[in-house]
N, C-alpha and C. Protein backbone atom coordinates (compact mmCIF):
# COMPACT_ATOMS: atom_id res chain seq x y z
N MET A 1 81.20 93.41 116.29
CA MET A 1 80.05 93.14 115.45
C MET A 1 80.37 93.60 114.02
N PHE A 2 79.86 92.83 113.07
CA PHE A 2 80.04 93.15 111.66
C PHE A 2 78.70 93.50 111.05
N GLU A 3 78.74 94.36 110.03
CA GLU A 3 77.52 94.76 109.33
C GLU A 3 77.80 94.87 107.84
N ARG A 4 76.76 94.75 107.06
CA ARG A 4 76.86 94.85 105.60
C ARG A 4 76.09 96.07 105.14
N VAL A 5 76.73 96.90 104.31
CA VAL A 5 76.08 98.05 103.70
C VAL A 5 76.37 98.01 102.20
N SER A 6 75.51 98.62 101.43
CA SER A 6 75.71 98.65 99.97
C SER A 6 76.16 100.03 99.54
N GLN A 7 77.12 100.04 98.64
CA GLN A 7 77.55 101.27 97.97
C GLN A 7 77.38 101.01 96.48
N GLY A 8 76.18 101.28 95.99
CA GLY A 8 75.86 100.95 94.61
C GLY A 8 75.80 99.44 94.44
N ALA A 9 76.57 98.91 93.49
CA ALA A 9 76.59 97.47 93.23
C ALA A 9 77.59 96.73 94.10
N VAL A 10 78.26 97.45 95.00
CA VAL A 10 79.30 96.87 95.84
C VAL A 10 78.78 96.73 97.27
N ASP A 11 79.00 95.56 97.84
CA ASP A 11 78.68 95.34 99.25
C ASP A 11 79.93 95.61 100.07
N VAL A 12 79.79 96.37 101.14
CA VAL A 12 80.90 96.66 102.05
C VAL A 12 80.55 96.05 103.40
N ILE A 13 81.46 95.24 103.90
CA ILE A 13 81.28 94.63 105.22
C ILE A 13 82.28 95.29 106.16
N ARG A 14 81.76 95.84 107.26
CA ARG A 14 82.57 96.54 108.25
C ARG A 14 82.44 95.85 109.59
N GLY A 15 83.51 95.92 110.36
CA GLY A 15 83.45 95.36 111.70
C GLY A 15 84.33 96.13 112.65
N ASP A 16 84.11 95.89 113.93
CA ASP A 16 84.92 96.55 114.95
C ASP A 16 85.40 95.56 116.01
N THR A 17 85.35 94.29 115.64
CA THR A 17 85.84 93.22 116.52
C THR A 17 86.80 92.36 115.71
N PRO A 18 87.57 91.50 116.36
CA PRO A 18 88.50 90.64 115.62
C PRO A 18 87.76 89.74 114.63
N LEU A 19 88.38 89.49 113.51
CA LEU A 19 87.89 88.49 112.56
C LEU A 19 88.57 87.19 112.96
N ASP A 20 87.92 86.49 113.88
CA ASP A 20 88.52 85.30 114.47
C ASP A 20 87.52 84.15 114.48
N ALA A 21 87.92 83.04 115.04
CA ALA A 21 87.09 81.84 115.05
C ALA A 21 85.72 82.09 115.68
N GLU A 22 85.65 82.96 116.67
CA GLU A 22 84.38 83.26 117.33
C GLU A 22 83.40 83.98 116.41
N ARG A 23 83.91 84.70 115.44
CA ARG A 23 83.04 85.52 114.58
C ARG A 23 82.94 85.02 113.15
N VAL A 24 83.56 83.90 112.86
CA VAL A 24 83.53 83.36 111.50
C VAL A 24 82.09 83.12 111.04
N ALA A 25 81.25 82.57 111.89
CA ALA A 25 79.86 82.29 111.50
C ALA A 25 79.12 83.58 111.15
N GLU A 26 79.33 84.62 111.95
CA GLU A 26 78.68 85.91 111.71
C GLU A 26 79.11 86.50 110.37
N VAL A 27 80.40 86.49 110.10
CA VAL A 27 80.92 87.06 108.86
C VAL A 27 80.55 86.18 107.67
N THR A 28 80.54 84.87 107.86
CA THR A 28 80.12 83.95 106.80
C THR A 28 78.70 84.27 106.36
N ALA A 29 77.81 84.49 107.31
CA ALA A 29 76.42 84.81 106.98
C ALA A 29 76.33 86.08 106.14
N LEU A 30 77.10 87.08 106.49
CA LEU A 30 77.10 88.33 105.72
C LEU A 30 77.67 88.13 104.32
N LEU A 31 78.77 87.38 104.23
CA LEU A 31 79.39 87.13 102.93
C LEU A 31 78.48 86.28 102.04
N GLN A 32 77.73 85.37 102.63
CA GLN A 32 76.79 84.56 101.85
C GLN A 32 75.63 85.40 101.33
N LYS A 33 75.20 86.38 102.08
CA LYS A 33 74.12 87.27 101.61
C LYS A 33 74.55 88.02 100.35
N CYS A 34 75.83 88.29 100.23
CA CYS A 34 76.34 88.99 99.05
C CYS A 34 76.23 88.13 97.79
N LEU A 35 76.08 86.83 97.95
CA LEU A 35 75.94 85.92 96.81
C LEU A 35 74.58 86.05 96.13
N HIS A 36 73.62 86.61 96.80
CA HIS A 36 72.26 86.69 96.27
C HIS A 36 72.07 87.87 95.31
N ASN A 37 73.10 88.65 95.08
CA ASN A 37 72.99 89.83 94.23
C ASN A 37 73.64 89.63 92.86
N GLY A 38 73.72 88.40 92.38
CA GLY A 38 74.40 88.17 91.11
C GLY A 38 75.89 88.09 91.34
N GLN A 39 76.66 88.82 90.52
CA GLN A 39 78.11 88.82 90.71
C GLN A 39 78.45 89.52 92.01
N PRO A 40 79.11 88.82 92.92
CA PRO A 40 79.43 89.44 94.21
C PRO A 40 80.66 90.34 94.13
N TYR A 41 80.46 91.62 94.33
CA TYR A 41 81.54 92.59 94.45
C TYR A 41 81.55 93.03 95.90
N VAL A 42 82.56 92.59 96.65
CA VAL A 42 82.55 92.78 98.09
C VAL A 42 83.87 93.38 98.57
N VAL A 43 83.74 94.36 99.45
CA VAL A 43 84.89 94.96 100.14
C VAL A 43 84.75 94.65 101.62
N LEU A 44 85.80 94.11 102.19
CA LEU A 44 85.85 93.92 103.64
C LEU A 44 86.68 95.06 104.20
N ASP A 45 86.01 95.98 104.88
CA ASP A 45 86.65 97.15 105.47
C ASP A 45 87.24 96.76 106.83
N LEU A 46 88.55 96.75 106.90
CA LEU A 46 89.25 96.30 108.10
C LEU A 46 89.69 97.46 109.01
N GLU A 47 89.24 98.65 108.73
CA GLU A 47 89.72 99.83 109.45
C GLU A 47 89.63 99.68 110.97
N LYS A 48 88.54 99.10 111.47
CA LYS A 48 88.35 98.98 112.91
C LYS A 48 88.49 97.54 113.41
N VAL A 49 88.92 96.64 112.53
CA VAL A 49 89.11 95.25 112.91
C VAL A 49 90.51 95.13 113.51
N PRO A 50 90.61 94.80 114.80
CA PRO A 50 91.91 94.81 115.46
C PRO A 50 92.82 93.62 115.13
N LEU A 51 92.24 92.50 114.66
CA LEU A 51 93.03 91.29 114.49
C LEU A 51 92.33 90.33 113.54
N ILE A 52 93.12 89.58 112.78
CA ILE A 52 92.59 88.48 111.96
C ILE A 52 93.38 87.23 112.34
N ASP A 53 92.66 86.16 112.72
CA ASP A 53 93.36 84.93 113.05
C ASP A 53 93.29 83.95 111.87
N SER A 54 93.79 82.74 112.06
CA SER A 54 93.86 81.78 110.96
C SER A 54 92.48 81.40 110.44
N ALA A 55 91.48 81.34 111.33
CA ALA A 55 90.12 81.03 110.88
C ALA A 55 89.58 82.16 110.00
N GLY A 56 89.89 83.39 110.35
CA GLY A 56 89.48 84.53 109.54
C GLY A 56 90.16 84.54 108.18
N LEU A 57 91.45 84.22 108.16
CA LEU A 57 92.19 84.17 106.90
C LEU A 57 91.64 83.07 105.99
N GLU A 58 91.33 81.93 106.56
CA GLU A 58 90.77 80.83 105.78
C GLU A 58 89.41 81.22 105.20
N LEU A 59 88.61 81.91 105.99
CA LEU A 59 87.32 82.40 105.52
C LEU A 59 87.49 83.31 104.31
N LEU A 60 88.44 84.22 104.38
CA LEU A 60 88.69 85.15 103.28
C LEU A 60 89.07 84.40 102.01
N LEU A 61 89.94 83.42 102.13
CA LEU A 61 90.35 82.65 100.95
C LEU A 61 89.18 81.86 100.36
N ASP A 62 88.37 81.28 101.23
CA ASP A 62 87.21 80.51 100.75
C ASP A 62 86.26 81.39 99.94
N PHE A 63 85.95 82.57 100.46
CA PHE A 63 85.02 83.44 99.75
C PHE A 63 85.67 84.10 98.55
N ARG A 64 86.96 84.36 98.61
CA ARG A 64 87.66 84.87 97.42
C ARG A 64 87.45 83.89 96.27
N ASP A 65 87.68 82.61 96.53
CA ASP A 65 87.53 81.57 95.50
C ASP A 65 86.09 81.47 95.02
N GLU A 66 85.16 81.47 95.95
CA GLU A 66 83.74 81.34 95.57
C GLU A 66 83.28 82.52 94.73
N TYR A 67 83.66 83.73 95.12
CA TYR A 67 83.28 84.92 94.37
C TYR A 67 83.91 84.92 92.98
N GLN A 68 85.18 84.51 92.89
CA GLN A 68 85.86 84.47 91.60
C GLN A 68 85.18 83.50 90.64
N GLN A 69 84.71 82.38 91.16
CA GLN A 69 84.01 81.41 90.32
C GLN A 69 82.72 81.99 89.73
N LEU A 70 82.16 82.98 90.40
CA LEU A 70 80.94 83.63 89.93
C LEU A 70 81.22 84.91 89.16
N GLY A 71 82.49 85.20 88.91
CA GLY A 71 82.87 86.41 88.18
C GLY A 71 82.96 87.64 89.04
N GLY A 72 82.95 87.48 90.34
CA GLY A 72 83.04 88.60 91.27
C GLY A 72 84.40 88.65 91.94
N ALA A 73 84.47 89.38 93.04
CA ALA A 73 85.73 89.51 93.75
C ALA A 73 85.51 89.96 95.19
N LEU A 74 86.47 89.61 96.03
CA LEU A 74 86.53 90.08 97.41
C LEU A 74 87.80 90.90 97.54
N LYS A 75 87.67 92.13 98.02
CA LYS A 75 88.81 93.02 98.21
C LYS A 75 88.84 93.50 99.65
N LEU A 76 90.03 93.79 100.14
CA LEU A 76 90.22 94.26 101.51
C LEU A 76 90.56 95.74 101.51
N ALA A 77 90.19 96.42 102.59
CA ALA A 77 90.47 97.85 102.69
C ALA A 77 90.88 98.23 104.10
N ALA A 78 91.80 99.19 104.16
CA ALA A 78 92.18 99.89 105.38
C ALA A 78 92.62 99.02 106.54
N PRO A 79 93.48 98.02 106.30
CA PRO A 79 93.92 97.23 107.45
C PRO A 79 94.80 98.06 108.38
N ASN A 80 94.63 97.87 109.69
CA ASN A 80 95.50 98.56 110.65
C ASN A 80 96.90 97.93 110.55
N PRO A 81 97.90 98.50 111.21
CA PRO A 81 99.26 97.95 111.08
C PRO A 81 99.40 96.47 111.45
N LEU A 82 98.69 96.01 112.48
CA LEU A 82 98.79 94.60 112.87
C LEU A 82 98.16 93.70 111.80
N CYS A 83 96.97 94.05 111.34
CA CYS A 83 96.32 93.26 110.29
C CYS A 83 97.13 93.29 109.00
N GLU A 84 97.70 94.43 108.70
CA GLU A 84 98.55 94.55 107.50
C GLU A 84 99.76 93.61 107.62
N GLU A 85 100.36 93.55 108.79
CA GLU A 85 101.49 92.66 109.03
C GLU A 85 101.07 91.19 108.91
N ILE A 86 99.90 90.86 109.44
CA ILE A 86 99.37 89.49 109.34
C ILE A 86 99.18 89.12 107.87
N LEU A 87 98.60 90.02 107.09
CA LEU A 87 98.40 89.76 105.67
C LEU A 87 99.73 89.59 104.95
N LEU A 88 100.71 90.38 105.31
CA LEU A 88 102.03 90.31 104.69
C LEU A 88 102.75 89.01 105.04
N VAL A 89 102.80 88.68 106.31
CA VAL A 89 103.52 87.49 106.77
C VAL A 89 102.91 86.21 106.22
N THR A 90 101.59 86.19 106.08
CA THR A 90 100.91 84.99 105.58
C THR A 90 100.84 84.93 104.05
N GLY A 91 101.26 86.01 103.39
CA GLY A 91 101.19 86.06 101.93
C GLY A 91 99.81 86.40 101.40
N MET A 92 98.89 86.71 102.29
CA MET A 92 97.53 87.05 101.86
C MET A 92 97.48 88.35 101.08
N ASP A 93 98.46 89.22 101.29
CA ASP A 93 98.49 90.46 100.53
C ASP A 93 98.73 90.19 99.04
N GLU A 94 99.24 89.00 98.71
CA GLU A 94 99.44 88.60 97.33
C GLU A 94 98.20 87.91 96.77
N SER A 95 97.35 87.39 97.66
CA SER A 95 96.17 86.62 97.25
C SER A 95 94.92 87.48 97.11
N LEU A 96 94.89 88.60 97.79
CA LEU A 96 93.74 89.50 97.77
C LEU A 96 94.22 90.92 97.54
N GLU A 97 93.43 91.69 96.80
CA GLU A 97 93.77 93.10 96.62
C GLU A 97 93.49 93.84 97.92
N VAL A 98 94.44 94.68 98.32
CA VAL A 98 94.31 95.43 99.55
C VAL A 98 94.44 96.92 99.21
N PHE A 99 93.48 97.71 99.67
CA PHE A 99 93.43 99.14 99.40
C PHE A 99 93.54 99.93 100.70
N ASP A 100 93.98 101.17 100.59
CA ASP A 100 94.11 102.03 101.77
C ASP A 100 92.76 102.46 102.35
N LYS A 101 91.76 102.57 101.48
CA LYS A 101 90.44 103.06 101.92
C LYS A 101 89.35 102.21 101.27
N ALA A 102 88.24 102.07 101.98
CA ALA A 102 87.11 101.28 101.47
C ALA A 102 86.54 101.90 100.20
N LEU A 103 86.50 103.22 100.13
CA LEU A 103 85.96 103.89 98.95
C LEU A 103 86.81 103.58 97.72
N ALA A 104 88.13 103.55 97.88
CA ALA A 104 89.01 103.21 96.76
C ALA A 104 88.80 101.76 96.32
N ALA A 105 88.62 100.87 97.28
CA ALA A 105 88.37 99.46 96.96
C ALA A 105 87.06 99.32 96.21
N ALA A 106 86.01 99.99 96.67
CA ALA A 106 84.71 99.92 96.00
C ALA A 106 84.81 100.50 94.59
N GLY A 107 85.52 101.60 94.47
CA GLY A 107 85.69 102.25 93.16
C GLY A 107 86.48 101.41 92.18
N SER A 108 87.32 100.53 92.68
CA SER A 108 88.15 99.70 91.78
C SER A 108 87.31 98.71 90.97
N PHE A 109 86.10 98.43 91.39
CA PHE A 109 85.25 97.51 90.66
C PHE A 109 84.75 98.08 89.35
N VAL A 110 84.74 99.38 89.20
CA VAL A 110 84.22 100.00 87.96
C VAL A 110 85.31 100.24 86.92
N ARG A 111 86.53 99.92 87.25
CA ARG A 111 87.62 100.11 86.28
C ARG A 111 87.59 99.04 85.22
């Protein structure tokens, strides 16, 4: 299950299940809610997410583009070793900023 929490002007989305085709609709709904706050500053906390599949990766790219068009950003935080490897192999680590901790990712928006 995924949930959305706010840390000031930054929305943090956390989950403890795979970001896969089965959960794309759930995460899409949360990411779309972040659009209602003006410029979307969003961190996807991957600390407890065990896996990201191709549908999850596509979702991330779609929202990265949408947020950028609005002057916002989507950043990733705390991927486990498997998710980190998936991001590296697919080149997603070059397409999205990845931080060691969600707090660091959220703090990067104020720089």
